[in-house]
Protein backbone atom coordinates (compact mmCIF):
# COMPACT_ATOMS: atom_id res chain seq x y z
CA MET A 1 -33.55 -14.22 6.96
CA SER A 2 -33.32 -10.59 7.97
CA TYR A 3 -32.60 -7.39 5.91
CA LEU A 4 -30.09 -4.64 6.30
CA THR A 5 -31.11 -1.29 4.70
CA ILE A 6 -28.48 1.47 4.07
CA ALA A 7 -30.36 4.73 4.50
CA SER A 8 -28.14 6.93 2.14
CA THR A 9 -28.61 4.68 -0.85
CA GLY A 10 -31.93 2.81 -0.08
CA GLU A 11 -30.22 -0.51 -0.82
CA THR A 12 -31.27 -3.63 1.03
CA TYR A 13 -29.08 -6.69 1.85
CA GLU A 14 -30.20 -10.06 3.06
CA PHE A 15 -28.27 -11.59 6.01
CA VAL A 16 -28.38 -14.23 8.60
CA VAL A 17 -28.73 -13.14 12.25
CA LYS A 18 -25.95 -13.99 14.86
CA THR A 19 -23.08 -12.32 13.04
CA SER A 20 -21.58 -8.86 13.60
CA LEU A 21 -22.87 -5.91 11.56
CA LEU A 22 -19.25 -5.42 10.33
CA ASN A 23 -19.17 -8.95 8.94
CA ILE A 24 -22.33 -8.40 7.11
CA ILE A 25 -21.12 -5.13 5.59
CA GLN A 26 -17.94 -6.81 4.49
CA GLU A 27 -19.44 -9.82 2.99
CA LYS A 28 -22.00 -7.68 1.06
CA GLY A 29 -19.20 -5.47 -0.23
CA ILE A 30 -20.86 -2.33 1.04
CA GLY A 31 -17.63 -0.68 1.93
CA MET A 32 -16.39 0.23 5.54
CA GLU A 33 -12.90 0.47 6.65
CA SER A 34 -11.84 -1.61 9.71
CA PRO A 35 -8.21 -0.74 10.52
CA CYS A 36 -7.91 -3.32 13.27
CA GLY A 37 -9.53 -6.05 11.19
CA GLY A 38 -12.69 -6.23 13.28
CA ARG A 39 -11.00 -6.82 16.63
CA GLY A 40 -12.70 -3.88 18.30
CA THR A 41 -9.44 -1.93 19.08
CA CYS A 42 -9.43 0.95 16.71
CA GLY A 43 -12.82 2.52 17.14
CA LYS A 44 -13.07 3.47 13.39
CA CYS A 45 -15.98 1.45 12.21
CA LYS A 46 -18.62 3.89 13.41
CA ILE A 47 -22.11 3.51 12.08
CA LYS A 48 -25.45 5.21 13.01
CA ILE A 49 -28.33 2.79 13.82
CA LEU A 50 -31.71 4.27 12.68
CA LYS A 51 -34.04 1.42 13.21
CA GLY A 52 -33.95 -2.14 14.46
CA GLU A 53 -33.15 -4.31 17.45
CA ILE A 54 -29.52 -4.84 18.49
CA ASN A 55 -27.50 -5.75 21.47
CA GLN A 56 -26.56 -3.43 24.31
CA LEU A 57 -23.60 -1.00 24.10
CA THR A 58 -20.46 -2.87 25.02
CA GLN A 59 -17.67 -1.53 27.35
CA GLU A 60 -15.22 -1.41 24.47
CA GLU A 61 -17.63 0.78 22.49
CA ALA A 62 -18.10 3.12 25.35
CA SER A 63 -14.34 3.69 25.60
CA HIS A 64 -14.22 4.81 21.90
CA LEU A 65 -17.52 6.69 21.52
CA THR A 66 -18.33 10.15 23.05
CA LYS A 67 -21.48 10.70 25.07
CA GLU A 68 -22.90 12.77 22.21
CA GLU A 69 -22.24 9.97 19.65
CA ILE A 70 -23.96 7.42 21.85
CA LYS A 71 -27.02 9.72 22.18
CA GLN A 72 -27.14 9.89 18.35
CA GLY A 73 -27.21 6.13 18.03
CA ILE A 74 -23.72 5.71 16.77
CA ARG A 75 -22.17 2.35 17.42
CA LEU A 76 -19.14 0.35 16.41
CA ALA A 77 -20.16 -2.09 13.61
CA CYS A 78 -17.78 -4.76 14.83
CA HIS A 79 -19.63 -4.88 18.21
CA VAL A 80 -23.18 -4.62 16.87
CA LYS A 81 -25.13 -7.87 16.67
CA PRO A 82 -28.44 -7.34 14.82
CA GLN A 83 -31.36 -9.27 16.12
CA GLY A 84 -33.56 -8.72 13.09
CA ASP A 85 -34.16 -6.19 10.24
CA LEU A 86 -31.98 -3.14 10.58
CA THR A 87 -31.67 0.30 8.96
CA ALA A 88 -28.33 1.98 9.39
CA GLU A 89 -26.37 5.01 8.08
CA LEU A 90 -22.82 4.89 6.95
CA LEU A 91 -20.71 7.80 8.33
CA GLU A 92 -17.74 7.54 6.02
CA ASP A 93 -17.43 10.14 3.25
CA LYS A 94 -16.78 8.04 0.10
CA ASN A 95 -16.26 11.12 -1.99
CA ILE A 96 -13.24 12.44 -0.12
CA LYS A 97 -10.23 13.10 -2.18
CA HIS A 98 -7.11 11.42 -0.96
CA GLU A 99 -3.51 12.46 -1.63
CA ILE A 100 -1.79 9.51 -3.07
CA LEU A 101 1.87 9.60 -4.29
CA THR A 102 2.03 8.35 -7.83
CA GLU A 103 5.53 9.51 -8.89
CA GLY A 104 9.05 8.48 -8.06
CA TYR A 105 12.59 8.84 -9.23
CA MET A 106 13.46 6.44 -12.02
CA PRO A 107 17.04 6.01 -13.45
CA SER A 108 17.67 5.97 -17.12
CA ILE A 109 17.57 2.35 -18.71
CA SER A 110 17.90 0.71 -22.12
CA ILE A 111 14.32 0.13 -23.53
CA ASN A 112 13.90 -3.55 -24.39
CA PRO A 113 10.49 -4.77 -23.06
CA MET A 114 9.53 -8.40 -22.81
CA ILE A 115 6.34 -7.60 -24.83
CA HIS A 116 7.13 -6.67 -28.50
CA LYS A 117 5.49 -7.15 -31.88
CA GLU A 118 6.51 -8.24 -35.28
CA VAL A 119 4.42 -7.84 -38.63
CA TYR A 120 4.18 -10.62 -41.09
CA LYS A 121 2.83 -10.73 -44.70
CA LEU A 122 0.91 -13.77 -45.91
CA ILE A 123 1.82 -14.54 -49.52
CA LYS A 124 0.86 -17.32 -51.82
CA GLN A 125 3.92 -19.31 -51.19
CA ASN A 126 2.83 -19.68 -47.57
CA PHE A 127 -0.28 -21.70 -48.66
CA LYS A 128 0.47 -25.43 -48.94
CA ASN A 129 -1.91 -28.29 -49.63
CA ASP A 130 -3.52 -29.80 -46.48
CA LEU A 131 -2.18 -27.18 -44.07
CA SER A 132 -4.48 -25.47 -41.59
CA TYR A 133 -4.38 -21.70 -40.92
CA GLU A 134 -2.81 -22.63 -37.66
CA GLU A 135 -0.05 -24.64 -39.35
CA ILE A 136 0.58 -21.96 -41.93
CA ILE A 137 1.05 -19.38 -39.17
CA GLU A 138 3.47 -21.65 -37.30
CA ASP A 139 5.39 -22.03 -40.58
CA VAL A 140 5.68 -18.25 -41.05
CA VAL A 141 6.73 -17.49 -37.51
CA GLN A 142 8.88 -20.59 -37.18
CA GLN A 143 7.27 -21.43 -33.78
CA LYS A 144 4.71 -23.71 -32.44
CA ILE A 145 1.38 -22.05 -31.22
CA GLU A 146 0.17 -23.13 -27.77
CA ASN A 147 -2.62 -25.57 -28.49
CA ASN A 148 -4.86 -24.24 -25.66
CA ASN A 149 -4.94 -20.64 -26.99
CA ILE A 150 -8.52 -20.51 -28.28
CA ASP A 151 -8.50 -16.66 -28.38
CA LEU A 152 -5.68 -16.80 -30.89
CA LEU A 153 -7.40 -19.40 -33.10
CA LYS A 154 -10.50 -17.27 -33.38
CA LEU A 155 -8.46 -14.47 -34.92
CA LEU A 156 -6.85 -16.62 -37.65
CA PRO A 157 -9.57 -16.24 -40.32
CA GLU A 158 -9.51 -12.46 -40.22
CA ALA A 159 -5.70 -12.46 -40.34
CA PHE A 160 -5.75 -14.45 -43.64
CA LYS A 161 -8.51 -12.28 -44.96
CA GLN A 162 -6.38 -9.15 -44.44
CA GLY A 163 -3.26 -10.81 -45.79
CA GLU A 164 -1.04 -9.77 -42.89
CA PHE A 165 -0.91 -10.30 -39.09
CA THR A 166 1.03 -9.09 -36.12
CA GLY A 167 2.72 -11.54 -33.78
CA VAL A 168 2.75 -10.59 -30.13
CA TYR A 169 5.84 -11.80 -28.35
CA LEU A 170 6.75 -12.28 -24.66
CA GLY A 171 10.62 -12.39 -24.94
CA GLY A 172 11.34 -14.80 -27.82
CA HIS A 173 8.01 -16.68 -27.48
CA ILE A 174 4.99 -15.87 -29.54
CA ILE A 175 1.85 -15.61 -27.25
CA GLY A 176 -0.71 -14.19 -29.74
CA ILE A 177 -1.48 -12.96 -33.25
CA GLU A 178 -3.62 -10.00 -34.37
CA PRO A 179 -5.07 -9.38 -37.83
CA GLY A 180 -3.35 -6.46 -39.70
CA ASN A 181 -0.64 -4.26 -38.37
CA THR A 182 -1.20 -3.37 -34.67
CA VAL A 183 2.40 -2.49 -33.72
CA LYS A 184 1.60 1.14 -32.68
CA GLU A 185 -0.96 -0.11 -30.16
CA THR A 186 1.42 -1.72 -27.75
CA TYR A 187 0.92 -0.73 -24.06
CA GLY A 188 1.58 -2.03 -20.63
CA ILE A 189 0.61 -1.08 -17.07
CA ALA A 190 3.03 -0.76 -14.10
CA MET A 191 1.49 -1.09 -10.75
CA ASP A 192 2.33 -0.55 -7.13
CA ILE A 193 0.07 -2.52 -4.78
CA GLY A 194 0.64 -0.98 -1.41
CA THR A 195 -0.99 -2.13 1.89
CA THR A 196 -2.91 1.24 1.86
CA THR A 197 -2.87 2.58 -1.66
CA VAL A 198 -2.74 1.26 -5.16
CA VAL A 199 -1.05 3.21 -8.07
CA ALA A 200 -1.14 2.30 -11.81
CA SER A 201 0.69 3.92 -14.65
CA LEU A 202 -0.06 3.38 -18.31
CA VAL A 203 3.20 2.85 -20.36
CA ASP A 204 3.79 3.12 -24.12
CA LEU A 205 5.95 0.04 -24.71
CA ILE A 206 7.15 1.41 -28.13
CA MET A 207 8.30 4.80 -27.03
CA GLY A 208 9.18 3.62 -23.53
CA GLU A 209 7.23 6.44 -21.84
CA GLU A 210 4.76 6.74 -19.00
CA ILE A 211 1.49 8.34 -20.27
CA ALA A 212 -0.60 8.72 -17.24
CA SER A 213 -1.04 7.54 -13.69
CA VAL A 214 -4.22 6.75 -11.51
CA SER A 215 -4.57 5.64 -7.97
CA GLU A 216 -7.05 4.77 -5.26
CA ILE A 217 -7.19 3.41 -1.70
CA ASN A 218 -6.56 -0.32 -1.55
CA PRO A 219 -10.13 -1.80 -1.03
CA GLN A 220 -8.58 -4.42 1.29
CA THR A 221 -8.26 -1.75 3.92
CA GLU A 222 -11.92 -2.57 4.80
CA TYR A 223 -10.60 -5.80 6.29
CA GLY A 224 -7.62 -4.48 8.13
CA LEU A 225 -5.01 -1.69 7.79
CA ASP A 226 -1.95 -3.79 8.07
CA VAL A 227 -0.79 -7.18 6.67
CA LEU A 228 -1.13 -9.02 9.98
CA SER A 229 -4.72 -7.84 10.30
CA ARG A 230 -5.51 -9.11 6.88
CA ILE A 231 -3.81 -12.42 7.56
CA ALA A 232 -5.91 -12.65 10.72
CA PHE A 233 -9.06 -11.94 8.75
CA VAL A 234 -8.21 -14.70 6.24
CA GLN A 235 -7.73 -17.07 9.16
CA SER A 236 -10.95 -16.16 10.98
CA ASN A 237 -13.35 -15.77 8.01
CA PRO A 238 -14.06 -18.79 5.65
CA LYS A 239 -14.65 -16.29 2.76
CA GLY A 240 -11.70 -14.02 3.85
CA LEU A 241 -9.23 -15.04 1.09
CA GLU A 242 -11.88 -14.84 -1.57
CA LEU A 243 -13.05 -11.37 -0.44
CA LEU A 244 -9.46 -9.96 -0.32
CA HIS A 245 -8.52 -11.60 -3.67
CA LYS A 246 -11.57 -10.28 -5.48
CA GLY A 247 -11.18 -6.89 -3.87
CA ILE A 248 -7.77 -6.25 -5.34
CA ILE A 249 -8.64 -7.88 -8.74
CA ASN A 250 -11.66 -5.54 -9.03
CA CYS A 251 -9.32 -2.68 -8.09
CA ILE A 252 -6.86 -3.63 -10.88
CA ASN A 253 -9.59 -3.82 -13.45
CA GLY A 254 -11.07 -0.53 -12.27
CA LEU A 255 -7.75 1.36 -12.55
CA THR A 256 -7.09 -0.28 -15.89
CA LEU A 257 -10.38 0.78 -17.31
CA LYS A 258 -9.89 4.27 -16.09
CA LEU A 259 -6.50 4.56 -17.73
CA CYS A 260 -7.86 3.26 -21.02
CA ASN A 261 -11.00 5.51 -20.99
CA GLU A 262 -9.07 8.65 -20.09
CA ASN A 263 -6.35 7.97 -22.81
CA SER A 264 -8.63 6.56 -25.50
CA ILE A 265 -6.89 3.13 -25.50
CA ALA A 266 -8.54 -0.14 -25.89
CA ALA A 267 -8.05 -2.59 -22.96
CA SER A 268 -7.10 -5.23 -25.60
CA SER A 269 -4.04 -3.02 -26.40
CA ILE A 270 -2.60 -3.66 -22.87
CA TYR A 271 -0.42 -6.74 -23.04
CA GLU A 272 1.30 -6.90 -19.71
CA ILE A 273 0.81 -5.58 -16.14
CA THR A 274 3.98 -5.56 -13.95
CA ILE A 275 3.23 -5.55 -10.13
CA ALA A 276 5.46 -4.63 -7.23
CA ALA A 277 3.88 -5.37 -3.90
CA ASN A 278 4.80 -6.74 -0.41
CA THR A 279 4.85 -10.48 -0.08
CA THR A 280 1.35 -10.64 1.59
CA MET A 281 -0.27 -8.43 -1.11
CA MET A 282 1.23 -10.73 -3.70
CA HIS A 283 -0.29 -13.79 -2.16
CA LEU A 284 -3.66 -12.24 -1.86
CA LEU A 285 -3.41 -11.04 -5.45
CA LEU A 286 -2.85 -14.59 -6.62
CA GLY A 287 -5.57 -16.08 -4.15
CA VAL A 288 -2.81 -17.93 -2.30
CA ASN A 289 -3.35 -18.69 1.40
CA THR A 290 -1.30 -16.37 3.73
CA ASP A 291 -1.51 -18.52 6.91
CA SER A 292 2.15 -19.49 6.83
CA ILE A 293 3.33 -15.85 6.63
CA GLY A 294 1.54 -14.93 9.90
CA LYS A 295 3.18 -17.55 12.14
CA ALA A 296 6.71 -18.63 12.92
CA PRO A 297 8.84 -19.46 11.08
CA TYR A 298 6.98 -17.00 8.68
CA THR A 299 7.40 -18.94 5.57
CA PRO A 300 5.88 -17.54 2.33
CA VAL A 301 4.27 -19.97 -0.22
CA PHE A 302 6.38 -18.33 -2.98
CA LYS A 303 9.03 -15.65 -3.41
CA LYS A 304 10.10 -16.00 -6.97
CA ALA A 305 8.94 -13.70 -9.76
CA GLN A 306 5.58 -15.02 -11.25
CA ASN A 307 4.58 -14.68 -14.84
CA ILE A 308 0.94 -15.50 -15.17
CA SER A 309 -1.86 -15.26 -17.74
CA ALA A 310 -4.00 -12.22 -17.02
CA GLY A 311 -7.10 -14.13 -18.03
CA SER A 312 -6.46 -16.77 -15.24
CA LEU A 313 -6.74 -13.98 -12.75
CA CYS A 314 -9.81 -12.47 -14.39
CA ILE A 315 -7.84 -9.37 -15.26
CA ASN A 316 -9.37 -7.60 -18.28
CA ILE A 317 -6.62 -6.73 -20.74
CA SER A 318 -5.55 -8.37 -23.98
CA PRO A 319 -6.54 -12.00 -24.35
CA PHE A 320 -2.83 -12.68 -24.59
CA GLY A 321 -2.04 -10.47 -21.67
CA ARG A 322 0.37 -11.40 -18.94
CA VAL A 323 0.91 -10.42 -15.32
CA TYR A 324 4.51 -10.25 -13.95
CA CYS A 325 4.97 -10.20 -10.20
CA VAL A 326 8.25 -8.70 -9.02
CA PRO A 327 10.10 -11.20 -6.74
CA SER A 328 10.40 -10.97 -2.98
CA VAL A 329 13.26 -11.45 -0.61
CA SER A 330 11.23 -12.90 2.39
CA SER A 331 7.81 -12.84 3.99
CA PHE A 332 8.37 -9.26 5.07
CA ILE A 333 10.68 -7.86 2.42
CA GLY A 334 8.59 -7.96 -0.72
CA GLY A 335 8.68 -6.96 -4.34
CA ASP A 336 8.06 -3.34 -3.44
CA ILE A 337 11.44 -3.27 -1.74
CA THR A 338 13.29 -5.18 -4.49
CA ALA A 339 11.84 -2.66 -6.88
CA GLY A 340 13.08 0.18 -4.58
CA ILE A 341 16.58 -1.46 -4.54
CA ILE A 342 16.84 -1.54 -8.35
CA VAL A 343 15.64 2.14 -8.56
CA SER A 344 18.20 3.27 -6.03
CA LYS A 345 20.91 1.15 -7.56
CA LEU A 346 21.89 -0.17 -4.16
CA GLN A 347 23.27 -3.40 -5.63
CA LYS A 348 25.88 -1.19 -7.63
CA ALA A 349 26.81 1.18 -4.77
CA ASP A 350 30.45 1.46 -3.83
CA GLU A 351 29.62 3.11 -0.54
CA ASN A 352 27.36 2.67 2.49
CA ILE A 353 23.76 3.64 1.83
CA LEU A 354 20.69 3.25 4.09
CA PHE A 355 17.32 2.75 2.36
CA ILE A 356 14.08 3.10 4.37
CA ASP A 357 10.54 2.62 3.10
CA ILE A 358 8.57 4.34 5.73
CA GLY A 359 5.03 3.20 5.86
CA THR A 360 2.70 0.63 7.64
CA ASN A 361 5.27 -2.11 7.34
CA GLY A 362 8.58 -0.24 7.56
CA GLU A 363 11.32 -1.97 5.46
CA ILE A 364 14.99 -1.25 5.87
CA VAL A 365 17.96 -2.05 3.52
CA ILE A 366 21.63 -1.20 3.94
CA SER A 367 24.05 -1.50 1.09
CA LYS A 368 27.69 -1.94 2.19
CA ALA A 369 29.47 -1.42 -1.03
CA GLY A 370 26.76 -3.32 -2.89
CA LYS A 371 26.32 -6.10 -0.29
CA LEU A 372 22.70 -5.96 0.75
CA SER A 373 21.13 -6.68 4.10
CA SER A 374 17.51 -6.00 5.21
CA CYS A 375 14.98 -6.23 7.98
CA SER A 376 11.42 -5.25 8.45
CA CYS A 377 9.74 -3.67 11.46
CA ALA A 378 6.04 -3.44 12.22
CA ALA A 379 5.73 0.34 12.30
CA GLY A 380 1.91 -0.07 12.19
CA PRO A 381 -0.69 2.30 10.64
CA ALA A 382 -0.13 5.23 13.08
CA LEU A 383 2.41 6.83 10.72
CA GLU A 384 -0.43 6.97 8.09
CA GLY A 385 -2.75 8.58 10.48
CA MET A 386 -4.76 5.52 11.47
CA ASN A 387 -5.25 3.93 14.87
CA ILE A 388 -5.03 7.61 16.03
CA SER A 389 -7.92 9.22 17.91
CA CYS A 390 -8.48 11.99 15.43
CA GLY A 391 -6.41 10.24 12.63
CA MET A 392 -7.27 10.17 8.94
CA ARG A 393 -5.45 9.60 5.64
CA ALA A 394 -3.82 12.42 3.70
CA ALA A 395 -7.04 14.01 2.19
CA GLU A 396 -8.79 17.35 2.15
CA GLY A 397 -9.34 18.67 5.59
CA ALA A 398 -6.38 16.71 7.11
CA ILE A 399 -3.86 18.62 9.17
CA GLU A 400 -0.47 17.84 7.52
CA GLY A 401 1.77 20.33 9.37
CA ILE A 402 1.89 22.15 12.69
CA LYS A 403 4.12 24.78 14.20
CA ILE A 404 4.02 26.05 17.79
CA HIS A 405 5.30 29.66 18.06
CA GLU A 406 4.78 32.26 20.76
CA ASN A 407 2.22 30.06 22.44
CA LYS A 408 0.12 29.66 19.44
CA ILE A 409 -0.52 26.79 17.05
CA SER A 410 -0.45 27.35 13.31
CA LEU A 411 -1.79 24.67 10.96
CA LYS A 412 -1.16 23.55 7.44
CA VAL A 413 -4.36 21.77 6.14
CA ILE A 414 -4.67 19.88 2.90
CA GLY A 415 -6.90 21.79 0.48
CA ASP A 416 -6.90 24.85 2.84
CA LYS A 417 -10.18 23.37 4.30
CA THR A 418 -11.54 23.44 7.80
CA PRO A 419 -9.59 20.79 9.72
CA VAL A 420 -11.48 17.45 10.19
CA GLY A 421 -8.64 15.28 11.35
CA ILE A 422 -4.90 14.75 11.34
CA CYS A 423 -2.87 12.60 8.88
CA GLY A 424 0.33 10.82 9.27
CA SER A 425 2.76 13.67 8.55
CA GLY A 426 0.59 15.93 10.75
CA ILE A 427 0.74 13.48 13.67
CA LEU A 428 4.49 13.27 13.37
CA GLU A 429 5.09 16.92 13.13
CA SER A 430 2.67 17.51 15.98
CA ILE A 431 4.47 15.17 18.27
CA SER A 432 7.81 16.61 17.20
CA GLU A 433 6.61 20.07 18.13
CA ILE A 434 4.96 19.25 21.44
CA ALA A 435 8.17 17.34 22.42
CA ARG A 436 10.24 20.43 21.38
CA VAL A 437 8.22 22.96 23.42
CA GLY A 438 8.14 20.56 26.43
CA LEU A 439 4.59 19.46 26.62
CA ILE A 440 5.68 15.81 26.97
CA GLU A 441 8.44 14.08 28.81
CA LYS A 442 11.20 12.14 27.13
CA THR A 443 9.29 9.01 27.93
CA GLY A 444 6.37 10.35 25.93
CA ARG A 445 4.21 10.97 28.93
CA ILE A 446 1.99 14.07 28.68
CA LYS A 447 2.96 16.56 31.41
CA LYS A 448 0.55 17.85 34.02
CA LYS A 449 -1.00 21.21 33.45
CA GLU A 450 0.79 22.58 36.49
CA SER A 451 4.08 21.39 35.43
CA VAL A 452 3.75 23.06 32.07
CA MET A 453 2.66 26.35 33.79
CA GLU A 454 6.04 26.19 35.62
CA SER A 455 8.29 25.24 32.72
CA ASN A 456 6.47 26.66 29.75
CA PRO A 457 4.03 29.33 30.79
CA GLY A 458 1.47 30.13 28.14
CA LEU A 459 1.15 26.57 26.78
CA GLU A 460 -0.73 25.07 29.76
CA HIS A 461 -4.12 25.86 27.92
CA LEU A 462 -3.15 23.05 25.43
CA ILE A 463 -3.24 20.42 28.21
CA ILE A 464 -6.78 19.02 28.66
CA GLU A 465 -7.57 16.72 31.58
CA GLU A 466 -10.83 14.64 31.41
CA ASN A 467 -11.75 11.75 33.56
CA GLY A 468 -8.22 11.36 34.96
CA LYS A 469 -6.65 11.24 31.46
CA ARG A 470 -4.72 13.95 29.54
CA LYS A 471 -4.77 14.97 25.99
CA ILE A 472 -3.30 17.85 23.97
CA HIS A 473 -5.56 20.26 22.07
CA ILE A 474 -4.47 20.91 18.45
CA ALA A 475 -7.38 22.59 16.73
CA MET A 476 -11.08 23.21 16.73
CA GLY A 477 -12.54 22.51 13.34
CA ALA A 478 -15.68 20.46 12.47
CA LYS A 479 -14.93 18.91 15.86
CA GLU A 480 -12.13 19.17 18.34
CA ILE A 481 -8.81 17.67 17.17
CA TYR A 482 -6.46 16.41 19.84
CA ILE A 483 -3.69 14.05 20.57
CA THR A 484 -4.05 11.47 23.30
CA GLN A 485 -1.53 9.62 25.44
CA LYS A 486 -2.48 6.45 23.45
CA ASP A 487 -1.76 8.31 20.22
CA ILE A 488 1.67 9.28 21.38
CA ARG A 489 2.45 5.64 22.39
CA GLN A 490 1.39 4.45 18.88
CA VAL A 491 3.84 6.84 17.26
CA GLN A 492 6.52 5.88 19.85
CA LEU A 493 6.14 2.23 18.90
CA ALA A 494 6.34 3.06 15.15
CA LYS A 495 9.48 5.30 15.53
CA GLY A 496 11.02 2.78 17.96
CA ALA A 497 10.51 0.02 15.42
CA ILE A 498 12.11 1.92 12.62
CA SER A 499 15.02 3.47 14.31
CA SER A 500 15.92 0.32 16.25
CA GLY A 501 15.77 -1.59 12.92
CA PHE A 502 18.43 0.45 11.18
CA TYR A 503 20.60 0.68 14.24
CA ALA A 504 20.53 -3.13 14.52
CA LEU A 505 21.33 -3.45 10.82
CA LEU A 506 24.26 -1.09 11.21
CA ASN A 507 25.66 -3.17 14.09
CA LEU A 508 25.26 -6.38 12.03
CA MET A 509 26.99 -4.84 9.04
CA GLU A 510 29.69 -3.29 11.26
CA ILE A 511 29.10 0.23 9.90
CA ASP A 512 29.34 3.32 12.05
CA MET A 513 26.68 5.94 11.70
CA VAL A 514 29.23 8.49 10.38
CA ASP A 515 30.30 6.16 7.54
CA LEU A 516 26.83 6.20 5.94
CA GLN A 517 27.04 8.36 2.80
CA GLU A 518 23.37 8.55 1.99
CA VAL A 519 19.88 7.97 3.63
CA ILE A 520 17.26 7.19 0.97
CA ILE A 521 13.62 7.70 2.11
CA ALA A 522 11.07 5.87 -0.06
CA GLY A 523 7.40 5.22 0.00
CA GLN A 524 4.05 6.71 -0.15
CA PHE A 525 4.26 8.20 3.38
CA GLY A 526 7.99 8.97 3.43
CA LYS A 527 7.54 11.58 0.70
CA HIS A 528 5.20 13.63 2.88
CA LEU A 529 7.77 13.82 5.84
CA ASN A 530 10.00 16.78 6.13
CA VAL A 531 13.60 16.35 7.48
CA ASP A 532 12.71 18.47 10.61
CA SER A 533 9.91 15.91 11.60
CA LEU A 534 12.04 12.89 10.98
CA ILE A 535 14.81 14.21 13.05
CA GLY A 536 12.59 15.94 15.68
CA ILE A 537 10.81 12.72 16.54
CA GLY A 538 13.90 10.61 16.47
CA ILE A 539 13.35 8.42 13.53
CA ILE A 540 16.59 9.73 11.81
CA PRO A 541 19.40 11.01 13.98
CA GLU A 542 20.60 14.65 13.60
CA ALA A 543 23.96 13.51 12.24
CA LEU A 544 22.31 12.28 9.02
CA ARG A 545 20.33 15.51 8.33
CA ASP A 546 22.33 16.49 5.27
CA LYS A 547 22.48 12.92 3.84
CA ILE A 548 18.72 12.42 3.33
CA THR A 549 17.30 12.12 -0.16
CA TYR A 550 13.75 11.15 -1.34
CA VAL A 551 12.89 8.84 -4.14
CA GLY A 552 9.17 8.88 -3.89
CA ASN A 553 7.20 5.86 -5.06
CA SER A 554 10.12 3.65 -5.95
CA SER A 555 7.85 0.59 -5.94
CA LYS A 556 5.99 1.87 -8.99
CA SER A 557 9.11 3.16 -10.61
CA GLY A 558 10.67 -0.37 -10.33
CA ALA A 559 7.52 -1.91 -11.77
CA VAL A 560 7.88 0.50 -14.72
CA MET A 561 11.53 -0.48 -15.15
CA CYS A 562 10.47 -4.18 -15.13
CA LEU A 563 7.96 -3.46 -17.78
CA LEU A 564 10.37 -1.73 -20.11
CA SER A 565 13.57 -3.86 -19.72
CA GLN A 566 14.28 -7.50 -19.86
CA GLN A 567 17.66 -6.75 -18.33
CA VAL A 568 16.01 -5.11 -15.31
CA ARG A 569 14.02 -8.35 -14.80
CA GLU A 570 17.15 -10.49 -14.82
CA ASP A 571 18.86 -8.12 -12.40
CA ILE A 572 15.99 -7.87 -9.95
CA GLU A 573 15.48 -11.61 -9.83
CA THR A 574 19.18 -11.93 -8.97
CA ILE A 575 18.90 -9.20 -6.37
CA ALA A 576 15.96 -10.93 -4.58
CA LYS A 577 18.19 -14.04 -4.14
CA ASP A 578 21.15 -12.12 -2.97
CA VAL A 579 19.68 -9.81 -0.34
CA ASN A 580 20.34 -11.07 3.27
CA TYR A 581 17.28 -10.93 5.57
CA PHE A 582 17.55 -10.62 9.33
CA GLU A 583 14.60 -11.24 11.72
CA LEU A 584 15.04 -8.65 14.31
CA SER A 585 13.00 -10.51 17.05
CA THR A 586 15.72 -13.22 17.10
CA MET A 587 18.71 -10.87 17.60
CA ASP A 588 20.51 -10.77 20.97
CA GLY A 589 19.88 -7.49 22.63
CA TYR A 590 17.19 -6.18 20.22
CA GLU A 591 14.46 -5.78 22.88
CA LYS A 592 16.80 -3.54 24.83
CA LEU A 593 17.71 -1.58 21.74
CA PHE A 594 13.96 -1.09 20.83
CA THR A 595 13.14 0.07 24.36
CA LYS A 596 15.99 2.66 24.20
CA CYS A 597 14.68 3.85 20.79
CA LEU A 598 11.22 4.66 22.27
CA SER A 599 12.59 7.71 24.03
CA PHE A 600 12.04 11.28 22.53
CA SER A 601 15.51 12.29 23.75
């Protein structure tokens, strides 16, 4: 056996030689993001080797690391093969504050939650010869108690001692009893489990009100930034499914504990968690294998709503707690989108509405007078600042806005800090601006310095040529921040995927662009995009400028609605069955349409 020591913490971990350093870090739960899932293509798993014998620098590493980084002993963890004991330093800042969208539009609904309580008095007439406490309770509530509910049985003596008890109901079925009157302590949690972020809201089920929200980065990002990377990780790693499942369960428990502590509420007073998530996230949440989602014909193990005991998932809430999973439409149109549909009332629309959830996955729904059709497009993580040379998430120090005026660049940086990178909205606005001022061609190719001198004199200083490659200088902060040709291609692929997706759906639905009455932008990332960037880069055409509205985190809002209304659950389960899903890759002429949408014209 050999030992890995992390310098910053002094912690030591035992490992078996002949595996990559990234695998060791992931299996030990140390915490390191690998956007590409350990395939060696993103260059983000940088680590500093302080002591120990390892393999020689690989060609792939050399293409991602600067000469200065290599001198300092920095390597890519996915390429490092320890030969024995190793001491290393993590380079990620775990204390960085991320900007995560927790709020979203929510329509008014009638409050009628699945979880509710009733108080019962125990009087002498209830006591009959030869009846057990359990049988007396069943006689009082006029229902049978599940014979495997040990937690409930343990509470019966105290209930009889107090002379009254509270019945906890899921719909019309009693799922638990509590000694005394606990009606006022009835709470639930609505949760949006995104590919990148997780948001949880504490909800008072009596008042029908959100009390507080908390959020964090999805810990599964350590194993891949998009769903396909995580599916590949499960396929290639024997412990992959277990690691991803435990990661999200720990995240749920952590957010739940934080909500309870910050609001002086006992976890035992949380009776239900409703979860909206994409189909892959739902499978990983329940510990269900995702192999079938990742290969043709892309069949999920389940799509229907799931109502599960929280205890069976090791989620720490009431012993009678339940977890409700919002239903999906297909492998790539999940519960986060059905939640968005119900929030936006697309199923009730009497006009043509386009709904786009802009993010890593990129889902699109069109309502043609209430008839719903959908598709998904692999936008990739570039729109969230990842797989970009100087990319980062929306956090302090991230460039989120850029303007080029009179040959000068002005920046908007989160937290008004020294820029350390560029986030998704920043990369989109940057490319929109450099396209506007003529630093790139319509094909996305960065122009030569000489060409810029002729057409846009004064801007040529932004074009940097090194080793036969061009990049565009954006800022000099803690380090130089720039955009490479590869970065532009990544964004082109994302914008091409999204715009070709909704053009294809419009054609299938036989709707002309001018006949769209509204364009709804949803999602964690979509909220941070301004209209000028969306139009400037070509994701949304100019003709739709005045029709764009934002609904924020509609996934979480839909989860709140499911928590508070039995009718909403019935409606959303019907919607999930009624939405038509189209696989873009099988459509005639789609490849040609996609290629056309790559242009910055």
